[in-house]
Amino acid sequence: MAIAATTSMRGPMVLKDWAQLLLLGAIWGGSFFFARIAVAELPPLVLVLFRVTIAAAALQLYLAVRGPSFRLALPHAGLFFLLALANNVIPFSLIFAGQTELGAGVASVLNSTTPFWTLILANALTSDEKLSWNKLAGIALGIAGTAVMIGPGLVAGLGGPVWAKFALIGASLSYAIALMIARRFKGVPSPVIATGQLTCSTIIMIPVVLFTYGTANLFSASPPVWAAVLALALLSTAFAYILYFNLVASAGATNASLVTLIVPASAILLGFLFLGERLELFELGGMALIALGLVTIDGRLFGRR
């Protein structure tokens, strides 16, 4: 596939876009804290169900009080079910399956390939997000930075089976497809897109969980676990997806996908700041590479030089 000689028709991200991207990375990085607590007592698919259901209910209430009307989503019902499958149901299931065999390090690196797949799809399917050298170089630096930052965890997880690695790559590709679907909601407010996606995810997950686990012990978790589930649903899902779809609309699918490069760095920094975890030199080096990759993708600094 030929690389466009010029940059994307979309200009560099503005300050507001960068602020949303970094905030979203911090929120999704923090979701690992909540998930770590919740999975100790809840099966993964049950956790997914509670996460999307509580988030959908919260956003439905938000729309009922503040607007806009959820009726704006009804003409796009079929598209919302596709988005729910591509952005929640399929990738969550593939990630959980892959992580039964792979270490967290290699899983994070494979997940960080999402911007690469997004760039390939965007070049083929859109007219305003074409391949460019700075984007390819920046994404390569970001993925390399993630690999360096994970360090020993990556080495420990490299020996997993091939099918598990393909599961993680499949999840990244699914996220990229979801970004292409999200672009099609022209003129639909971000809270409506987030609510529609999570409502459809809930409709899909209810029969999946009931068929897999039945109703026994679904609500038997302890209070600390329910607190983690609420934080995961309300902050890391409901609020985060409003940010996410707003970023897709304002900065484009490729730029929005860069959050997968920031999430591992955010999780490590939060562990250092709030859990007293040690910050290693290789982790700082990986974060520097990711930062260099983001600057390269933005294009303004090197363009001026």
Protein backbone atom coordinates (compact mmCIF):
# COMPACT_ATOMS: atom_id res chain seq x y z
CA MET A 1 0.00 0.00 0.00
CA ALA A 2 1.51 3.31 -1.04
CA ILE A 3 2.14 5.99 1.53
CA ALA A 4 0.56 9.35 0.83
CA ALA A 5 3.08 12.00 -0.04
CA THR A 6 1.21 14.58 2.00
CA THR A 7 -0.11 14.50 5.52
CA SER A 8 -3.70 13.78 6.45
CA MET A 9 -6.30 16.36 5.54
CA ARG A 10 -6.94 16.66 9.28
CA GLY A 11 -4.58 19.13 10.89
CA PRO A 12 -2.62 18.52 14.10
CA MET A 13 -4.64 18.05 17.25
CA VAL A 14 -5.46 21.24 19.15
CA LEU A 15 -4.87 21.69 22.88
CA LYS A 16 -8.42 20.58 23.72
CA ASP A 17 -7.90 17.31 21.81
CA TRP A 18 -4.62 16.60 23.60
CA ALA A 19 -6.23 17.33 26.97
CA GLN A 20 -9.07 14.90 26.23
CA LEU A 21 -6.64 12.23 24.97
CA LEU A 22 -4.45 12.44 28.09
CA LEU A 23 -7.45 12.52 30.44
CA LEU A 24 -8.97 9.49 28.68
CA GLY A 25 -5.65 7.63 28.95
CA ALA A 26 -5.47 8.39 32.66
CA ILE A 27 -9.05 7.22 33.24
CA TRP A 28 -8.62 3.99 31.28
CA GLY A 29 -5.25 3.43 32.95
CA GLY A 30 -7.02 3.74 36.29
CA SER A 31 -9.57 1.14 35.24
CA PHE A 32 -6.93 -1.54 35.89
CA PHE A 33 -7.12 -0.69 39.60
CA PHE A 34 -10.87 -1.22 39.71
CA ALA A 35 -10.80 -4.34 37.54
CA ARG A 36 -8.04 -5.86 39.65
CA ILE A 37 -10.32 -5.68 42.69
CA ALA A 38 -13.48 -6.80 40.91
CA VAL A 39 -12.15 -9.90 39.11
CA ALA A 40 -11.16 -11.39 42.46
CA GLU A 41 -14.84 -12.23 43.05
CA LEU A 42 -16.63 -11.77 39.71
CA PRO A 43 -16.13 -13.86 36.54
CA PRO A 44 -14.93 -11.72 33.60
CA LEU A 45 -18.16 -11.92 31.57
CA VAL A 46 -20.24 -11.06 34.64
CA LEU A 47 -17.98 -8.07 35.25
CA VAL A 48 -18.47 -6.96 31.64
CA LEU A 49 -22.25 -7.23 32.07
CA PHE A 50 -22.29 -5.14 35.25
CA ARG A 51 -19.88 -2.62 33.75
CA VAL A 52 -21.94 -1.92 30.63
CA THR A 53 -25.33 -2.21 32.36
CA ILE A 54 -24.58 0.27 35.15
CA ALA A 55 -22.89 2.65 32.71
CA ALA A 56 -25.84 2.46 30.30
CA ALA A 57 -28.34 3.10 33.11
CA ALA A 58 -26.33 6.10 34.34
CA LEU A 59 -26.14 7.60 30.86
CA GLN A 60 -29.83 6.99 30.21
CA LEU A 61 -30.58 8.91 33.43
CA TYR A 62 -28.17 11.67 32.38
CA LEU A 63 -29.90 12.06 29.01
CA ALA A 64 -33.33 12.05 30.65
CA VAL A 65 -32.29 14.92 32.97
CA ARG A 66 -29.89 16.94 30.82
CA GLY A 67 -30.58 15.84 27.26
CA PRO A 68 -30.22 15.49 24.36
CA SER A 69 -33.00 12.98 23.78
CA PHE A 70 -32.09 9.31 23.36
CA ARG A 71 -34.56 9.26 20.46
CA LEU A 72 -31.69 10.57 18.32
CA ALA A 73 -30.17 7.09 18.60
CA LEU A 74 -33.23 5.15 17.41
CA PRO A 75 -32.73 5.70 13.65
CA HIS A 76 -29.22 4.23 14.03
CA ALA A 77 -30.19 1.13 16.07
CA GLY A 78 -28.53 -1.37 13.71
CA LEU A 79 -25.31 0.64 13.60
CA PHE A 80 -25.27 0.86 17.41
CA PHE A 81 -25.44 -2.93 17.71
CA LEU A 82 -22.46 -3.19 15.33
CA LEU A 83 -20.56 -0.64 17.42
CA ALA A 84 -21.41 -2.52 20.63
CA LEU A 85 -20.07 -5.76 19.17
CA ALA A 86 -16.90 -4.21 17.76
CA ASN A 87 -16.09 -1.91 20.69
CA ASN A 88 -17.21 -3.96 23.73
CA VAL A 89 -18.46 -7.51 23.30
CA ILE A 90 -15.89 -8.95 20.85
CA PRO A 91 -12.70 -7.22 22.09
CA PHE A 92 -13.52 -7.72 25.77
CA SER A 93 -14.11 -11.44 25.16
CA LEU A 94 -10.93 -11.84 23.09
CA ILE A 95 -8.83 -9.97 25.65
CA PHE A 96 -10.13 -12.05 28.55
CA ALA A 97 -9.51 -15.27 26.58
CA GLY A 98 -6.00 -14.23 25.53
CA GLN A 99 -5.01 -13.16 29.01
CA THR A 100 -5.73 -16.62 30.37
CA GLU A 101 -2.51 -17.66 28.57
CA LEU A 102 -0.48 -14.44 28.15
CA GLY A 103 1.22 -12.16 30.65
CA ALA A 104 -0.02 -8.62 31.09
CA GLY A 105 3.09 -7.23 29.40
CA VAL A 106 2.72 -8.88 26.02
CA ALA A 107 -1.06 -8.29 26.16
CA SER A 108 -0.47 -4.55 26.61
CA VAL A 109 1.96 -4.40 23.70
CA LEU A 110 -0.40 -6.29 21.37
CA ASN A 111 -3.26 -4.02 22.44
CA SER A 112 -1.12 -0.97 21.70
CA THR A 113 -1.11 -1.96 17.99
CA THR A 114 -4.65 -0.52 17.72
CA PRO A 115 -3.41 2.79 16.18
CA PHE A 116 -1.57 0.83 13.48
CA TRP A 117 -4.68 -1.10 12.41
CA THR A 118 -6.75 2.09 12.67
CA LEU A 119 -4.34 3.92 10.38
CA ILE A 120 -4.49 1.11 7.80
CA LEU A 121 -8.30 1.01 7.85
CA ALA A 122 -8.60 4.80 7.85
CA ASN A 123 -6.33 5.03 4.81
CA ALA A 124 -8.47 2.50 2.93
CA LEU A 125 -11.93 3.69 4.02
CA THR A 126 -11.69 7.45 4.60
CA SER A 127 -10.67 10.51 2.64
CA ASP A 128 -9.34 12.67 5.48
CA GLU A 129 -7.09 10.29 7.45
CA LYS A 130 -4.46 9.03 5.02
CA LEU A 131 -1.16 7.31 5.68
CA SER A 132 1.84 9.56 6.22
CA TRP A 133 5.43 8.97 7.22
CA ASN A 134 5.10 10.89 10.49
CA LYS A 135 2.08 8.82 11.55
CA LEU A 136 3.76 5.51 10.75
CA ALA A 137 6.99 6.53 12.51
CA GLY A 138 5.10 7.87 15.52
CA ILE A 139 3.00 4.73 15.94
CA ALA A 140 6.12 2.55 15.61
CA LEU A 141 7.84 4.60 18.33
CA GLY A 142 4.75 4.34 20.54
CA ILE A 143 4.54 0.55 20.22
CA ALA A 144 8.30 0.26 20.84
CA GLY A 145 7.95 2.51 23.88
CA THR A 146 5.17 0.31 25.25
CA ALA A 147 7.38 -2.76 24.79
CA VAL A 148 10.33 -1.10 26.56
CA MET A 149 8.11 0.22 29.37
CA ILE A 150 6.60 -3.21 30.07
CA GLY A 151 10.15 -4.64 30.16
CA PRO A 152 10.45 -7.86 32.17
CA GLY A 153 6.69 -8.44 32.07
CA LEU A 154 6.88 -8.59 28.28
CA VAL A 155 9.74 -11.12 28.31
CA ALA A 156 7.87 -13.31 30.79
CA GLY A 157 4.77 -13.43 28.60
CA LEU A 158 6.38 -14.07 25.20
CA GLY A 159 6.06 -17.85 25.46
CA GLY A 160 2.26 -18.00 25.25
CA PRO A 161 0.41 -19.93 22.53
CA VAL A 162 -0.08 -18.41 19.09
CA TRP A 163 -3.88 -18.46 19.34
CA ALA A 164 -3.78 -16.24 22.45
CA LYS A 165 -1.59 -13.68 20.67
CA PHE A 166 -3.96 -13.68 17.70
CA ALA A 167 -6.83 -13.13 20.16
CA LEU A 168 -5.19 -9.92 21.43
CA ILE A 169 -4.40 -8.77 17.89
CA GLY A 170 -8.01 -9.56 16.97
CA ALA A 171 -9.18 -7.36 19.83
CA SER A 172 -7.00 -4.49 18.57
CA LEU A 173 -8.37 -4.94 15.06
CA SER A 174 -11.91 -4.97 16.47
CA TYR A 175 -11.25 -1.66 18.23
CA ALA A 176 -9.98 -0.21 14.94
CA ILE A 177 -13.14 -1.37 13.14
CA ALA A 178 -15.21 0.20 15.93
CA LEU A 179 -13.50 3.52 15.30
CA MET A 180 -14.48 3.33 11.63
CA ILE A 181 -18.08 2.64 12.68
CA ALA A 182 -18.02 5.51 15.19
CA ARG A 183 -17.08 7.94 12.41
CA ARG A 184 -20.45 7.27 10.76
CA PHE A 185 -22.44 8.91 13.57
CA LYS A 186 -22.24 12.33 11.96
CA GLY A 187 -24.17 14.93 13.92
CA VAL A 188 -25.08 12.55 16.78
CA PRO A 189 -23.99 14.02 20.17
CA SER A 190 -21.26 12.09 22.01
CA PRO A 191 -23.45 11.29 25.08
CA VAL A 192 -26.05 9.73 22.77
CA ILE A 193 -23.41 7.61 20.99
CA ALA A 194 -21.98 6.42 24.32
CA THR A 195 -25.45 5.63 25.67
CA GLY A 196 -26.53 3.82 22.52
CA GLN A 197 -23.41 1.67 22.40
CA LEU A 198 -23.59 0.67 26.08
CA THR A 199 -27.34 0.03 25.94
CA CYS A 200 -26.85 -2.35 22.99
CA SER A 201 -23.90 -4.00 24.77
CA THR A 202 -26.18 -4.61 27.76
CA ILE A 203 -28.86 -6.18 25.55
CA ILE A 204 -26.23 -8.51 24.06
CA MET A 205 -24.50 -9.42 27.34
CA ILE A 206 -27.62 -10.29 29.40
CA PRO A 207 -28.45 -13.54 27.51
CA VAL A 208 -24.73 -14.40 27.21
CA VAL A 209 -24.21 -14.25 30.99
CA LEU A 210 -27.52 -15.93 31.86
CA PHE A 211 -26.75 -18.80 29.46
CA THR A 212 -23.18 -19.15 30.75
CA TYR A 213 -23.64 -18.71 34.50
CA GLY A 214 -27.36 -18.65 35.25
CA THR A 215 -28.63 -16.41 38.04
CA ALA A 216 -26.95 -18.08 41.03
CA ASN A 217 -24.49 -15.89 42.97
CA LEU A 218 -24.57 -13.05 40.43
CA PHE A 219 -24.98 -10.49 43.21
CA SER A 220 -22.92 -12.14 45.97
CA ALA A 221 -19.83 -9.91 45.73
CA SER A 222 -18.53 -8.01 48.76
CA PRO A 223 -19.00 -4.22 49.27
CA PRO A 224 -15.41 -3.32 48.20
CA VAL A 225 -15.95 -5.21 44.93
CA TRP A 226 -19.24 -3.41 44.27
CA ALA A 227 -17.47 -0.10 44.92
CA ALA A 228 -14.85 -1.07 42.32
CA VAL A 229 -17.59 -2.10 39.85
CA LEU A 230 -19.35 1.26 40.30
CA ALA A 231 -16.09 3.15 39.72
CA LEU A 232 -15.34 1.04 36.67
CA ALA A 233 -18.83 1.58 35.25
CA LEU A 234 -19.39 5.25 36.04
CA LEU A 235 -15.91 6.75 35.62
CA SER A 236 -14.01 4.35 33.35
CA THR A 237 -16.96 3.54 31.09
CA ALA A 238 -19.84 6.06 31.13
CA PHE A 239 -17.76 9.23 31.43
CA ALA A 240 -14.80 7.81 29.50
CA TYR A 241 -16.86 6.88 26.44
CA ILE A 242 -18.35 10.37 26.24
CA LEU A 243 -14.77 11.67 26.06
CA TYR A 244 -13.83 8.95 23.58
CA PHE A 245 -16.59 9.64 21.06
CA ASN A 246 -16.11 13.38 21.41
CA LEU A 247 -12.43 12.86 20.58
CA VAL A 248 -13.32 10.72 17.54
CA ALA A 249 -15.55 13.53 16.25
CA SER A 250 -13.05 16.33 16.84
CA ALA A 251 -9.65 14.70 16.20
CA GLY A 252 -10.40 11.67 14.01
CA ALA A 253 -10.26 7.92 14.44
CA THR A 254 -6.48 7.57 14.17
CA ASN A 255 -5.79 10.22 16.80
CA ALA A 256 -8.43 8.78 19.14
CA SER A 257 -6.82 5.33 18.87
CA LEU A 258 -3.58 6.75 20.32
CA VAL A 259 -5.11 6.37 23.77
CA THR A 260 -4.02 2.71 23.73
CA LEU A 261 -0.41 3.94 23.81
CA ILE A 262 -1.10 6.14 26.85
CA VAL A 263 -3.08 3.63 28.95
CA PRO A 264 -0.11 1.42 30.04
CA ALA A 265 1.95 4.49 30.94
CA SER A 266 -0.98 5.91 32.88
CA ALA A 267 -1.47 2.67 34.82
CA ILE A 268 2.22 2.54 35.80
CA LEU A 269 2.27 6.21 36.84
CA LEU A 270 -0.88 5.79 38.95
CA GLY A 271 0.70 2.79 40.67
CA PHE A 272 3.79 4.90 41.43
CA LEU A 273 1.79 7.89 42.72
CA PHE A 274 -0.93 6.16 44.74
CA LEU A 275 0.22 2.60 45.48
CA GLY A 276 3.86 3.26 46.29
CA GLU A 277 5.09 1.08 43.41
CA ARG A 278 8.66 1.64 42.25
CA LEU A 279 9.22 3.42 38.95
CA GLU A 280 12.05 1.70 37.06
CA LEU A 281 14.47 3.37 34.65
CA PHE A 282 13.28 1.26 31.70
CA GLU A 283 9.71 2.39 32.41
CA LEU A 284 10.78 6.03 32.21
CA GLY A 285 12.60 5.25 28.96
CA GLY A 286 9.50 3.62 27.50
CA MET A 287 7.36 6.61 28.47
CA ALA A 288 9.86 8.92 26.77
CA LEU A 289 9.60 6.87 23.56
CA ILE A 290 5.80 7.03 23.71
CA ALA A 291 5.96 10.81 24.20
CA LEU A 292 8.34 11.10 21.23
CA GLY A 293 5.94 8.97 19.17
CA LEU A 294 2.99 11.22 20.01
CA VAL A 295 4.99 14.33 19.08
CA THR A 296 6.03 12.68 15.81
CA ILE A 297 2.43 11.81 14.94
CA ASP A 298 1.33 15.38 15.70
CA GLY A 299 3.86 16.56 13.09
CA ARG A 300 4.15 20.22 14.09
CA LEU A 301 7.49 20.07 15.94
CA PHE A 302 9.39 18.21 13.22
CA GLY A 303 7.63 20.17 10.50
CA ARG A 304 8.96 23.43 11.97
CA ARG A 305 12.47 21.98 12.31
